[in-house]
PDB file of N, CA and C in Angstrom:
ATOM      1  N   UNK A   1      19.445   1.144   3.683  1.00  0.00           N
ATOM      2  CA  UNK A   1      18.634   1.927   4.606  1.00  0.00           C
ATOM      3  C   UNK A   1      17.453   2.577   3.888  1.00  0.00           C
ATOM      4  N   UNK A   2      17.736   3.248   2.760  1.00  0.00           N
ATOM      5  CA  UNK A   2      16.680   3.942   2.039  1.00  0.00           C
ATOM      6  C   UNK A   2      15.729   2.959   1.356  1.00  0.00           C
ATOM      7  N   UNK A   3      16.252   1.793   1.000  1.00  0.00           N
ATOM      8  CA  UNK A   3      15.371   0.780   0.407  1.00  0.00           C
ATOM      9  C   UNK A   3      14.360   0.268   1.436  1.00  0.00           C
ATOM     10  N   UNK A   4      14.782   0.152   2.668  1.00  0.00           N
ATOM     11  CA  UNK A   4      13.857  -0.242   3.730  1.00  0.00           C
ATOM     12  C   UNK A   4      12.787   0.828   3.950  1.00  0.00           C
ATOM     13  N   UNK A   5      13.184   2.074   3.805  1.00  0.00           N
ATOM     14  CA  UNK A   5      12.204   3.166   3.915  1.00  0.00           C
ATOM     15  C   UNK A   5      11.185   3.112   2.776  1.00  0.00           C
ATOM     16  N   UNK A   6      11.638   2.708   1.590  1.00  0.00           N
ATOM     17  CA  UNK A   6      10.694   2.574   0.473  1.00  0.00           C
ATOM     18  C   UNK A   6       9.704   1.445   0.778  1.00  0.00           C
ATOM     19  N   UNK A   7      10.196   0.336   1.333  1.00  0.00           N
ATOM     20  CA  UNK A   7       9.306  -0.766   1.707  1.00  0.00           C
ATOM     21  C   UNK A   7       8.326  -0.298   2.781  1.00  0.00           C
ATOM     22  N   UNK A   8       8.808   0.465   3.740  1.00  0.00           N
ATOM     23  CA  UNK A   8       7.929   1.027   4.764  1.00  0.00           C
ATOM     24  C   UNK A   8       6.878   1.935   4.125  1.00  0.00           C
ATOM     25  N   UNK A   9       7.288   2.692   3.132  1.00  0.00           N
ATOM     26  CA  UNK A   9       6.361   3.573   2.421  1.00  0.00           C
ATOM     27  C   UNK A   9       5.268   2.772   1.722  1.00  0.00           C
ATOM     28  N   UNK A  10       5.649   1.662   1.111  1.00  0.00           N
ATOM     29  CA  UNK A  10       4.667   0.801   0.433  1.00  0.00           C
ATOM     30  C   UNK A  10       3.703   0.204   1.452  1.00  0.00           C
ATOM     31  N   UNK A  11       4.237  -0.229   2.600  1.00  0.00           N
ATOM     32  CA  UNK A  11       3.372  -0.776   3.643  1.00  0.00           C
ATOM     33  C   UNK A  11       2.424   0.295   4.180  1.00  0.00           C
ATOM     34  N   UNK A  12       2.925   1.511   4.339  1.00  0.00           N
ATOM     35  CA  UNK A  12       2.074   2.616   4.805  1.00  0.00           C
ATOM     36  C   UNK A  12       0.960   2.892   3.806  1.00  0.00           C
ATOM     37  N   UNK A  13       1.274   2.856   2.519  1.00  0.00           N
ATOM     38  CA  UNK A  13       0.246   3.072   1.495  1.00  0.00           C
ATOM     39  C   UNK A  13      -0.801   1.959   1.544  1.00  0.00           C
ATOM     40  N   UNK A  14      -0.366   0.726   1.811  1.00  0.00           N
ATOM     41  CA  UNK A  14      -1.318  -0.378   1.940  1.00  0.00           C
ATOM     42  C   UNK A  14      -2.217  -0.176   3.157  1.00  0.00           C
ATOM     43  N   UNK A  15      -1.643   0.298   4.249  1.00  0.00           N
ATOM     44  CA  UNK A  15      -2.449   0.598   5.443  1.00  0.00           C
ATOM     45  C   UNK A  15      -3.438   1.725   5.153  1.00  0.00           C
ATOM     46  N   UNK A  16      -2.996   2.709   4.385  1.00  0.00           N
ATOM     47  CA  UNK A  16      -3.888   3.805   4.012  1.00  0.00           C
ATOM     48  C   UNK A  16      -5.071   3.282   3.208  1.00  0.00           C
ATOM     49  N   UNK A  17      -4.824   2.314   2.333  1.00  0.00           N
ATOM     50  CA  UNK A  17      -5.917   1.729   1.566  1.00  0.00           C
ATOM     51  C   UNK A  17      -6.913   1.013   2.476  1.00  0.00           C
ATOM     52  N   UNK A  18      -6.410   0.415   3.548  1.00  0.00           N
ATOM     53  CA  UNK A  18      -7.305  -0.249   4.498  1.00  0.00           C
ATOM     54  C   UNK A  18      -8.189   0.778   5.214  1.00  0.00           C
ATOM     55  N   UNK A  19      -7.609   1.928   5.546  1.00  0.00           N
ATOM     56  CA  UNK A  19      -8.407   2.988   6.169  1.00  0.00           C
ATOM     57  C   UNK A  19      -9.470   3.507   5.206  1.00  0.00           C
ATOM     58  N   UNK A  20      -9.100   3.669   3.937  1.00  0.00           N
ATOM     59  CA  UNK A  20     -10.070   4.116   2.943  1.00  0.00           C
ATOM     60  C   UNK A  20     -11.186   3.088   2.768  1.00  0.00           C
ATOM     61  N   UNK A  21     -10.826   1.820   2.779  1.00  0.00           N
ATOM     62  CA  UNK A  21     -11.840   0.758   2.675  1.00  0.00           C
ATOM     63  C   UNK A  21     -12.788   0.813   3.873  1.00  0.00           C
ATOM     64  N   UNK A  22     -12.243   1.000   5.060  1.00  0.00           N
ATOM     65  CA  UNK A  22     -13.080   1.085   6.253  1.00  0.00           C
ATOM     66  C   UNK A  22     -14.030   2.286   6.159  1.00  0.00           C
ATOM     67  N   UNK A  23     -13.527   3.386   5.664  1.00  0.00           N
ATOM     68  CA  UNK A  23     -14.370   4.564   5.486  1.00  0.00           C
ATOM     69  C   UNK A  23     -15.461   4.335   4.466  1.00  0.00           C
ATOM     70  N   UNK A  24     -15.165   3.549   3.439  1.00  0.00           N
ATOM     71  CA  UNK A  24     -16.155   3.275   2.403  1.00  0.00           C
ATOM     72  C   UNK A  24     -17.220   2.286   2.873  1.00  0.00           C
ATOM     73  N   UNK A  25     -16.916   1.513   3.877  1.00  0.00           N
ATOM     74  CA  UNK A  25     -17.868   0.513   4.377  1.00  0.00           C
ATOM     75  C   UNK A  25     -18.985   1.132   5.195  1.00  0.00           C
ATOM     76  N   UNK A  26     -18.772   2.312   5.698  1.00  0.00           N
ATOM     77  CA  UNK A  26     -19.771   2.976   6.526  1.00  0.00           C
ATOM     78  C   UNK A  26     -20.680   3.847   5.660  1.00  0.00           C
ATOM     79  N   UNK A  27     -21.919   3.966   6.058  1.00  0.00           N
ATOM     80  CA  UNK A  27     -22.861   4.835   5.354  1.00  0.00           C
ATOM     81  C   UNK A  27     -22.949   6.171   6.071  1.00  0.00           C
ATOM     82  N   UNK A  28     -22.696   7.220   5.330  1.00  0.00           N
ATOM     83  CA  UNK A  28     -22.766   8.569   5.871  1.00  0.00           C
ATOM     84  C   UNK A  28     -23.844   9.342   5.134  1.00  0.00           C
ATOM     85  N   UNK A  29     -24.424  10.300   5.815  1.00  0.00           N
ATOM     86  CA  UNK A  29     -25.442  11.146   5.197  1.00  0.00           C
ATOM     87  C   UNK A  29     -24.733  12.346   4.586  1.00  0.00           C
ATOM     88  N   UNK A  30     -24.915  12.537   3.301  1.00  0.00           N
ATOM     89  CA  UNK A  30     -24.351  13.705   2.637  1.00  0.00           C
ATOM     90  C   UNK A  30     -22.965  13.465   2.062  1.00  0.00           C
ATOM     91  N   UNK A  31     -22.676  14.251   1.047  1.00  0.00           N
ATOM     92  CA  UNK A  31     -21.407  14.161   0.333  1.00  0.00           C
ATOM     93  C   UNK A  31     -20.212  14.429   1.244  1.00  0.00           C
ATOM     94  N   UNK A  32     -20.270  15.510   1.986  1.00  0.00           N
ATOM     95  CA  UNK A  32     -19.126  15.920   2.793  1.00  0.00           C
ATOM     96  C   UNK A  32     -18.809  14.915   3.892  1.00  0.00           C
ATOM     97  N   UNK A  33     -19.826  14.356   4.512  1.00  0.00           N
ATOM     98  CA  UNK A  33     -19.593  13.351   5.558  1.00  0.00           C
ATOM     99  C   UNK A  33     -19.008  12.073   4.975  1.00  0.00           C
ATOM    100  N   UNK A  34     -19.408  11.732   3.752  1.00  0.00           N
ATOM    101  CA  UNK A  34     -18.909  10.519   3.110  1.00  0.00           C
ATOM    102  C   UNK A  34     -17.417  10.625   2.794  1.00  0.00           C
ATOM    103  N   UNK A  35     -16.977  11.793   2.358  1.00  0.00           N
ATOM    104  CA  UNK A  35     -15.604  11.953   1.911  1.00  0.00           C
ATOM    105  C   UNK A  35     -14.707  12.707   2.879  1.00  0.00           C
ATOM    106  N   UNK A  36     -15.256  13.218   3.942  1.00  0.00           N
ATOM    107  CA  UNK A  36     -14.446  13.919   4.941  1.00  0.00           C
ATOM    108  C   UNK A  36     -14.699  13.337   6.328  1.00  0.00           C
ATOM    109  N   UNK A  37     -14.649  12.017   6.424  1.00  0.00           N
ATOM    110  CA  UNK A  37     -14.774  11.371   7.726  1.00  0.00           C
ATOM    111  C   UNK A  37     -13.378  10.979   8.207  1.00  0.00           C
ATOM    112  N   UNK A  38     -13.224  10.638   9.462  1.00  0.00           N
ATOM    113  CA  UNK A  38     -11.887  10.354  10.004  1.00  0.00           C
ATOM    114  C   UNK A  38     -11.138   9.239   9.276  1.00  0.00           C
ATOM    115  N   UNK A  39     -11.849   8.202   8.815  1.00  0.00           N
ATOM    116  CA  UNK A  39     -11.177   7.106   8.116  1.00  0.00           C
ATOM    117  C   UNK A  39     -10.557   7.585   6.810  1.00  0.00           C
ATOM    118  N   UNK A  40     -11.318   8.336   6.054  1.00  0.00           N
ATOM    119  CA  UNK A  40     -10.843   8.811   4.755  1.00  0.00           C
ATOM    120  C   UNK A  40      -9.731   9.841   4.927  1.00  0.00           C
ATOM    121  N   UNK A  41      -9.915  10.761   5.838  1.00  0.00           N
ATOM    122  CA  UNK A  41      -8.880  11.772   6.080  1.00  0.00           C
ATOM    123  C   UNK A  41      -7.587  11.099   6.547  1.00  0.00           C
ATOM    124  N   UNK A  42      -7.706  10.137   7.451  1.00  0.00           N
ATOM    125  CA  UNK A  42      -6.528   9.402   7.916  1.00  0.00           C
ATOM    126  C   UNK A  42      -5.849   8.643   6.792  1.00  0.00           C
ATOM    127  N   UNK A  43      -6.646   8.005   5.928  1.00  0.00           N
ATOM    128  CA  UNK A  43      -6.075   7.275   4.798  1.00  0.00           C
ATOM    129  C   UNK A  43      -5.317   8.180   3.852  1.00  0.00           C
ATOM    130  N   UNK A  44      -5.913   9.325   3.533  1.00  0.00           N
ATOM    131  CA  UNK A  44      -5.222  10.263   2.646  1.00  0.00           C
ATOM    132  C   UNK A  44      -3.989  10.870   3.307  1.00  0.00           C
ATOM    133  N   UNK A  45      -4.029  11.091   4.605  1.00  0.00           N
ATOM    134  CA  UNK A  45      -2.863  11.637   5.311  1.00  0.00           C
ATOM    135  C   UNK A  45      -1.704  10.636   5.277  1.00  0.00           C
ATOM    136  N   UNK A  46      -2.006   9.376   5.524  1.00  0.00           N
ATOM    137  CA  UNK A  46      -0.946   8.360   5.476  1.00  0.00           C
ATOM    138  C   UNK A  46      -0.428   8.203   4.050  1.00  0.00           C
ATOM    139  N   UNK A  47      -1.326   8.269   3.068  1.00  0.00           N
ATOM    140  CA  UNK A  47      -0.905   8.178   1.671  1.00  0.00           C
ATOM    141  C   UNK A  47       0.029   9.339   1.317  1.00  0.00           C
ATOM    142  N   UNK A  48      -0.259  10.531   1.822  1.00  0.00           N
ATOM    143  CA  UNK A  48       0.609  11.689   1.579  1.00  0.00           C
ATOM    144  C   UNK A  48       1.974  11.482   2.227  1.00  0.00           C
ATOM    145  N   UNK A  49       1.994  10.936   3.426  1.00  0.00           N
ATOM    146  CA  UNK A  49       3.274  10.639   4.092  1.00  0.00           C
ATOM    147  C   UNK A  49       4.075   9.617   3.291  1.00  0.00           C
ATOM    148  N   UNK A  50       3.390   8.629   2.733  1.00  0.00           N
ATOM    149  CA  UNK A  50       4.050   7.632   1.897  1.00  0.00           C
ATOM    150  C   UNK A  50       4.686   8.278   0.672  1.00  0.00           C
ATOM    151  N   UNK A  51       3.966   9.189   0.068  1.00  0.00           N
ATOM    152  CA  UNK A  51       4.489   9.907  -1.096  1.00  0.00           C
ATOM    153  C   UNK A  51       5.729  10.717  -0.730  1.00  0.00           C
ATOM    154  N   UNK A  52       5.667  11.425   0.377  1.00  0.00           N
ATOM    155  CA  UNK A  52       6.812  12.236   0.816  1.00  0.00           C
ATOM    156  C   UNK A  52       8.007  11.349   1.118  1.00  0.00           C
ATOM    157  N   UNK A  53       7.763  10.194   1.723  1.00  0.00           N
ATOM    158  CA  UNK A  53       8.848   9.262   2.026  1.00  0.00           C
ATOM    159  C   UNK A  53       9.476   8.733   0.736  1.00  0.00           C
ATOM    160  N   UNK A  54       8.665   8.449  -0.272  1.00  0.00           N
ATOM    161  CA  UNK A  54       9.207   8.018  -1.567  1.00  0.00           C
ATOM    162  C   UNK A  54      10.092   9.098  -2.181  1.00  0.00           C
ATOM    163  N   UNK A  55       9.624  10.319  -2.159  1.00  0.00           N
ATOM    164  CA  UNK A  55      10.411  11.423  -2.719  1.00  0.00           C
ATOM    165  C   UNK A  55      11.718  11.582  -1.956  1.00  0.00           C
ATOM    166  N   UNK A  56      11.657  11.476  -0.629  1.00  0.00           N
ATOM    167  CA  UNK A  56      12.861  11.564   0.196  1.00  0.00           C
ATOM    168  C   UNK A  56      13.865  10.489  -0.205  1.00  0.00           C
ATOM    169  N   UNK A  57      13.399   9.250  -0.366  1.00  0.00           N
ATOM    170  CA  UNK A  57      14.303   8.156  -0.719  1.00  0.00           C
ATOM    171  C   UNK A  57      14.895   8.342  -2.108  1.00  0.00           C
ATOM    172  N   UNK A  58      14.076   8.814  -3.056  1.00  0.00           N
ATOM    173  CA  UNK A  58      14.608   9.038  -4.399  1.00  0.00           C
ATOM    174  C   UNK A  58      15.612  10.183  -4.423  1.00  0.00           C
ATOM    175  N   UNK A  59      15.451  11.150  -3.539  1.00  0.00           N
ATOM    176  CA  UNK A  59      16.413  12.254  -3.495  1.00  0.00           C
ATOM    177  C   UNK A  59      17.723  11.829  -2.835  1.00  0.00           C
ATOM    178  N   UNK A  60      17.732  10.652  -2.214  1.00  0.00           N
ATOM    179  CA  UNK A  60      18.943  10.133  -1.585  1.00  0.00           C
ATOM    180  C   UNK A  60      19.498   8.913  -2.317  1.00  0.00           C
ATOM    181  N   UNK A  61      19.217   8.808  -3.598  1.00  0.00           N
ATOM    182  CA  UNK A  61      19.902   7.819  -4.414  1.00  0.00           C
ATOM    183  C   UNK A  61      19.109   6.611  -4.857  1.00  0.00           C
ATOM    184  N   UNK A  62      17.932   6.391  -4.343  1.00  0.00           N
ATOM    185  CA  UNK A  62      17.136   5.268  -4.821  1.00  0.00           C
ATOM    186  C   UNK A  62      16.539   5.661  -6.166  1.00  0.00           C
ATOM    187  N   UNK A  63      16.767   4.834  -7.170  1.00  0.00           N
ATOM    188  CA  UNK A  63      16.318   5.161  -8.521  1.00  0.00           C
ATOM    189  C   UNK A  63      14.814   4.929  -8.655  1.00  0.00           C
ATOM    190  N   UNK A  64      14.221   5.703  -9.550  1.00  0.00           N
ATOM    191  CA  UNK A  64      12.774   5.607  -9.759  1.00  0.00           C
ATOM    192  C   UNK A  64      12.372   4.216 -10.229  1.00  0.00           C
ATOM    193  N   UNK A  65      13.195   3.575 -11.066  1.00  0.00           N
ATOM    194  CA  UNK A  65      12.856   2.228 -11.532  1.00  0.00           C
ATOM    195  C   UNK A  65      12.889   1.229 -10.378  1.00  0.00           C
ATOM    196  N   UNK A  66      13.761   1.448  -9.407  1.00  0.00           N
ATOM    197  CA  UNK A  66      13.804   0.563  -8.237  1.00  0.00           C
ATOM    198  C   UNK A  66      12.594   0.788  -7.335  1.00  0.00           C
ATOM    199  N   UNK A  67      12.200   2.034  -7.176  1.00  0.00           N
ATOM    200  CA  UNK A  67      11.026   2.347  -6.360  1.00  0.00           C
ATOM    201  C   UNK A  67       9.783   1.714  -6.972  1.00  0.00           C
ATOM    202  N   UNK A  68       9.666   1.799  -8.291  1.00  0.00           N
ATOM    203  CA  UNK A  68       8.472   1.232  -8.931  1.00  0.00           C
ATOM    204  C   UNK A  68       8.424  -0.280  -8.771  1.00  0.00           C
ATOM    205  N   UNK A  69       9.572  -0.941  -8.778  1.00  0.00           N
ATOM    206  CA  UNK A  69       9.586  -2.394  -8.571  1.00  0.00           C
ATOM    207  C   UNK A  69       9.255  -2.718  -7.116  1.00  0.00           C
ATOM    208  N   UNK A  70       9.815  -1.977  -6.182  1.00  0.00           N
ATOM    209  CA  UNK A  70       9.526  -2.210  -4.765  1.00  0.00           C
ATOM    210  C   UNK A  70       8.047  -1.964  -4.485  1.00  0.00           C
ATOM    211  N   UNK A  71       7.451  -0.998  -5.163  1.00  0.00           N
ATOM    212  CA  UNK A  71       6.024  -0.724  -4.959  1.00  0.00           C
ATOM    213  C   UNK A  71       5.142  -1.898  -5.370  1.00  0.00           C
ATOM    214  N   UNK A  72       5.707  -2.839  -6.133  1.00  0.00           N
ATOM    215  CA  UNK A  72       4.960  -4.056  -6.463  1.00  0.00           C
ATOM    216  C   UNK A  72       4.668  -4.886  -5.219  1.00  0.00           C
ATOM    217  N   UNK A  73       5.372  -4.607  -4.142  1.00  0.00           N
ATOM    218  CA  UNK A  73       5.111  -5.325  -2.893  1.00  0.00           C
ATOM    219  C   UNK A  73       3.721  -4.995  -2.347  1.00  0.00           C
ATOM    220  N   UNK A  74       3.111  -3.949  -2.865  1.00  0.00           N
ATOM    221  CA  UNK A  74       1.745  -3.652  -2.440  1.00  0.00           C
ATOM    222  C   UNK A  74       0.806  -4.796  -2.820  1.00  0.00           C
ATOM    223  N   UNK A  75       1.164  -5.556  -3.873  1.00  0.00           N
ATOM    224  CA  UNK A  75       0.367  -6.722  -4.250  1.00  0.00           C
ATOM    225  C   UNK A  75       0.479  -7.832  -3.213  1.00  0.00           C
ATOM    226  N   UNK A  76       1.441  -7.741  -2.326  1.00  0.00           N
ATOM    227  CA  UNK A  76       1.549  -8.655  -1.187  1.00  0.00           C
ATOM    228  C   UNK A  76       0.846  -8.069   0.036  1.00  0.00           C
ATOM    229  N   UNK A  77       1.147  -6.812   0.332  1.00  0.00           N
ATOM    230  CA  UNK A  77       0.646  -6.193   1.561  1.00  0.00           C
ATOM    231  C   UNK A  77      -0.876  -6.004   1.555  1.00  0.00           C
ATOM    232  N   UNK A  78      -1.429  -5.507   0.461  1.00  0.00           N
ATOM    233  CA  UNK A  78      -2.863  -5.194   0.424  1.00  0.00           C
ATOM    234  C   UNK A  78      -3.723  -6.451   0.594  1.00  0.00           C
ATOM    235  N   UNK A  79      -3.480  -7.528  -0.171  1.00  0.00           N
ATOM    236  CA  UNK A  79      -4.319  -8.713   0.055  1.00  0.00           C
ATOM    237  C   UNK A  79      -4.167  -9.314   1.453  1.00  0.00           C
ATOM    238  N   UNK A  80      -2.956  -9.302   1.991  1.00  0.00           N
ATOM    239  CA  UNK A  80      -2.763  -9.850   3.340  1.00  0.00           C
ATOM    240  C   UNK A  80      -3.483  -9.018   4.390  1.00  0.00           C
ATOM    241  N   UNK A  81      -3.379  -7.703   4.290  1.00  0.00           N
ATOM    242  CA  UNK A  81      -4.083  -6.841   5.241  1.00  0.00           C
ATOM    243  C   UNK A  81      -5.597  -6.968   5.078  1.00  0.00           C
ATOM    244  N   UNK A  82      -6.067  -7.053   3.833  1.00  0.00           N
ATOM    245  CA  UNK A  82      -7.504  -7.199   3.598  1.00  0.00           C
ATOM    246  C   UNK A  82      -8.003  -8.537   4.153  1.00  0.00           C
ATOM    247  N   UNK A  83      -7.187  -9.563   4.035  1.00  0.00           N
ATOM    248  CA  UNK A  83      -7.545 -10.871   4.592  1.00  0.00           C
ATOM    249  C   UNK A  83      -7.623 -10.803   6.112  1.00  0.00           C
ATOM    250  N   UNK A  84      -6.635 -10.175   6.723  1.00  0.00           N
ATOM    251  CA  UNK A  84      -6.589 -10.122   8.190  1.00  0.00           C
ATOM    252  C   UNK A  84      -7.653  -9.187   8.769  1.00  0.00           C
ATOM    253  N   UNK A  85      -7.882  -8.054   8.124  1.00  0.00           N
ATOM    254  CA  UNK A  85      -8.778  -7.048   8.696  1.00  0.00           C
ATOM    255  C   UNK A  85     -10.234  -7.196   8.263  1.00  0.00           C
ATOM    256  N   UNK A  86     -10.435  -7.584   7.001  1.00  0.00           N
ATOM    257  CA  UNK A  86     -11.792  -7.606   6.459  1.00  0.00           C
ATOM    258  C   UNK A  86     -12.263  -9.008   6.080  1.00  0.00           C
ATOM    259  N   UNK A  87     -11.425 -10.002   6.350  1.00  0.00           N
ATOM    260  CA  UNK A  87     -11.760 -11.399   6.047  1.00  0.00           C
ATOM    261  C   UNK A  87     -12.039 -11.612   4.557  1.00  0.00           C
ATOM    262  N   UNK A  88     -11.352 -10.851   3.702  1.00  0.00           N
ATOM    263  CA  UNK A  88     -11.494 -11.061   2.267  1.00  0.00           C
ATOM    264  C   UNK A  88     -10.794 -12.355   1.876  1.00  0.00           C
ATOM    265  N   UNK A  89     -11.321 -13.018   0.867  1.00  0.00           N
ATOM    266  CA  UNK A  89     -10.784 -14.313   0.452  1.00  0.00           C
ATOM    267  C   UNK A  89      -9.417 -14.156  -0.193  1.00  0.00           C
ATOM    268  N   UNK A  90      -8.570 -15.134   0.091  1.00  0.00           N
ATOM    269  CA  UNK A  90      -7.224 -15.178  -0.473  1.00  0.00           C
ATOM    270  C   UNK A  90      -7.037 -16.581  -1.043  1.00  0.00           C
ATOM    271  N   UNK A  91      -7.475 -16.767  -2.302  1.00  0.00           N
ATOM    272  CA  UNK A  91      -7.432 -18.086  -2.930  1.00  0.00           C
ATOM    273  C   UNK A  91      -6.033 -18.462  -3.405  1.00  0.00           C
ATOM    274  N   UNK A  92      -5.938 -19.693  -3.880  1.00  0.00           N
ATOM    275  CA  UNK A  92      -4.651 -20.205  -4.338  1.00  0.00           C
ATOM    276  C   UNK A  92      -4.132 -19.462  -5.555  1.00  0.00           C
ATOM    277  N   UNK A  93      -5.023 -19.012  -6.420  1.00  0.00           N
ATOM    278  CA  UNK A  93      -4.575 -18.256  -7.593  1.00  0.00           C
ATOM    279  C   UNK A  93      -3.935 -16.938  -7.172  1.00  0.00           C
ATOM    280  N   UNK A  94      -4.546 -16.258  -6.203  1.00  0.00           N
ATOM    281  CA  UNK A  94      -3.959 -15.005  -5.710  1.00  0.00           C
ATOM    282  C   UNK A  94      -2.629 -15.264  -5.029  1.00  0.00           C
ATOM    283  N   UNK A  95      -2.577 -16.312  -4.227  1.00  0.00           N
ATOM    284  CA  UNK A  95      -1.322 -16.644  -3.541  1.00  0.00           C
ATOM    285  C   UNK A  95      -0.229 -16.955  -4.558  1.00  0.00           C
ATOM    286  N   UNK A  96      -0.581 -17.715  -5.607  1.00  0.00           N
ATOM    287  CA  UNK A  96       0.391 -18.014  -6.663  1.00  0.00           C
ATOM    288  C   UNK A  96       0.849 -16.764  -7.389  1.00  0.00           C
ATOM    289  N   UNK A  97      -0.081 -15.877  -7.684  1.00  0.00           N
ATOM    290  CA  UNK A  97       0.264 -14.631  -8.370  1.00  0.00           C
ATOM    291  C   UNK A  97       1.179 -13.766  -7.502  1.00  0.00           C
ATOM    292  N   UNK A  98       0.872 -13.703  -6.212  1.00  0.00           N
ATOM    293  CA  UNK A  98       1.728 -12.935  -5.297  1.00  0.00           C
ATOM    294  C   UNK A  98       3.126 -13.534  -5.271  1.00  0.00           C
ATOM    295  N   UNK A  99       3.203 -14.856  -5.253  1.00  0.00           N
ATOM    296  CA  UNK A  99       4.508 -15.526  -5.275  1.00  0.00           C
ATOM    297  C   UNK A  99       5.309 -15.182  -6.518  1.00  0.00           C
ATOM    298  N   UNK A 100       4.640 -15.176  -7.664  1.00  0.00           N
ATOM    299  CA  UNK A 100       5.324 -14.831  -8.919  1.00  0.00           C
ATOM    300  C   UNK A 100       5.831 -13.393  -8.870  1.00  0.00           C
ATOM    301  N   UNK A 101       5.028 -12.491  -8.331  1.00  0.00           N
ATOM    302  CA  UNK A 101       5.451 -11.090  -8.219  1.00  0.00           C
ATOM    303  C   UNK A 101       6.668 -10.971  -7.304  1.00  0.00           C
ATOM    304  N   UNK A 102       6.655 -11.687  -6.180  1.00  0.00           N
ATOM    305  CA  UNK A 102       7.786 -11.627  -5.255  1.00  0.00           C
ATOM    306  C   UNK A 102       9.055 -12.192  -5.900  1.00  0.00           C
ATOM    307  N   UNK A 103       8.926 -13.275  -6.685  1.00  0.00           N
ATOM    308  CA  UNK A 103      10.079 -13.828  -7.400  1.00  0.00           C
ATOM    309  C   UNK A 103      10.605 -12.786  -8.390  1.00  0.00           C
ATOM    310  N   UNK A 104       9.706 -12.093  -9.067  1.00  0.00           N
ATOM    311  CA  UNK A 104      10.132 -11.048 -10.004  1.00  0.00           C
ATOM    312  C   UNK A 104      10.902  -9.933  -9.316  1.00  0.00           C
ATOM    313  N   UNK A 105      10.456  -9.538  -8.134  1.00  0.00           N
ATOM    314  CA  UNK A 105      11.169  -8.496  -7.375  1.00  0.00           C
ATOM    315  C   UNK A 105      12.557  -8.983  -7.008  1.00  0.00           C
ATOM    316  N   UNK A 106      12.647 -10.227  -6.547  1.00  0.00           N
ATOM    317  CA  UNK A 106      13.949 -10.789  -6.161  1.00  0.00           C
ATOM    318  C   UNK A 106      14.878 -10.850  -7.366  1.00  0.00           C
ATOM    319  N   UNK A 107      14.353 -11.314  -8.503  1.00  0.00           N
ATOM    320  CA  UNK A 107      15.177 -11.399  -9.717  1.00  0.00           C
ATOM    321  C   UNK A 107      15.665 -10.015 -10.137  1.00  0.00           C
ATOM    322  N   UNK A 108      14.826  -8.999 -10.010  1.00  0.00           N
ATOM    323  CA  UNK A 108      15.214  -7.643 -10.398  1.00  0.00           C
ATOM    324  C   UNK A 108      16.405  -7.153  -9.573  1.00  0.00           C
ATOM    325  N   UNK A 109      16.431  -7.478  -8.286  1.00  0.00           N
ATOM    326  CA  UNK A 109      17.468  -6.937  -7.415  1.00  0.00           C
ATOM    327  C   UNK A 109      18.698  -7.848  -7.270  1.00  0.00           C
ATOM    328  N   UNK A 110      18.651  -9.042  -7.849  1.00  0.00           N
ATOM    329  CA  UNK A 110      19.815  -9.945  -7.723  1.00  0.00           C
ATOM    330  C   UNK A 110      20.736  -9.777  -8.896  1.00  0.00           C
TER     331      UNK A 110
END
């Protein structure tokens, strides 16, 4: 149960990165508008929720070394979300690298 919450936390952090990317794509006038717009605030809020969820899971028995390995799934979530939302390229080398990372996660937990 708590391991699924850690995976959800990693996915939430990846979504937060997408919000930050969207905020960075827009041009704002002035420092405060650039860094305090709804996209950036939303991204940081989701990132904070992800952090709290990680702490919650670790306080209920998930080890820090396991959380750090599960967080490697961000190398899967971020490129896929960037591909779907921003049409960023996902070449064969990236796909192969993601596959190797996923095999490493599986080996760690088996």
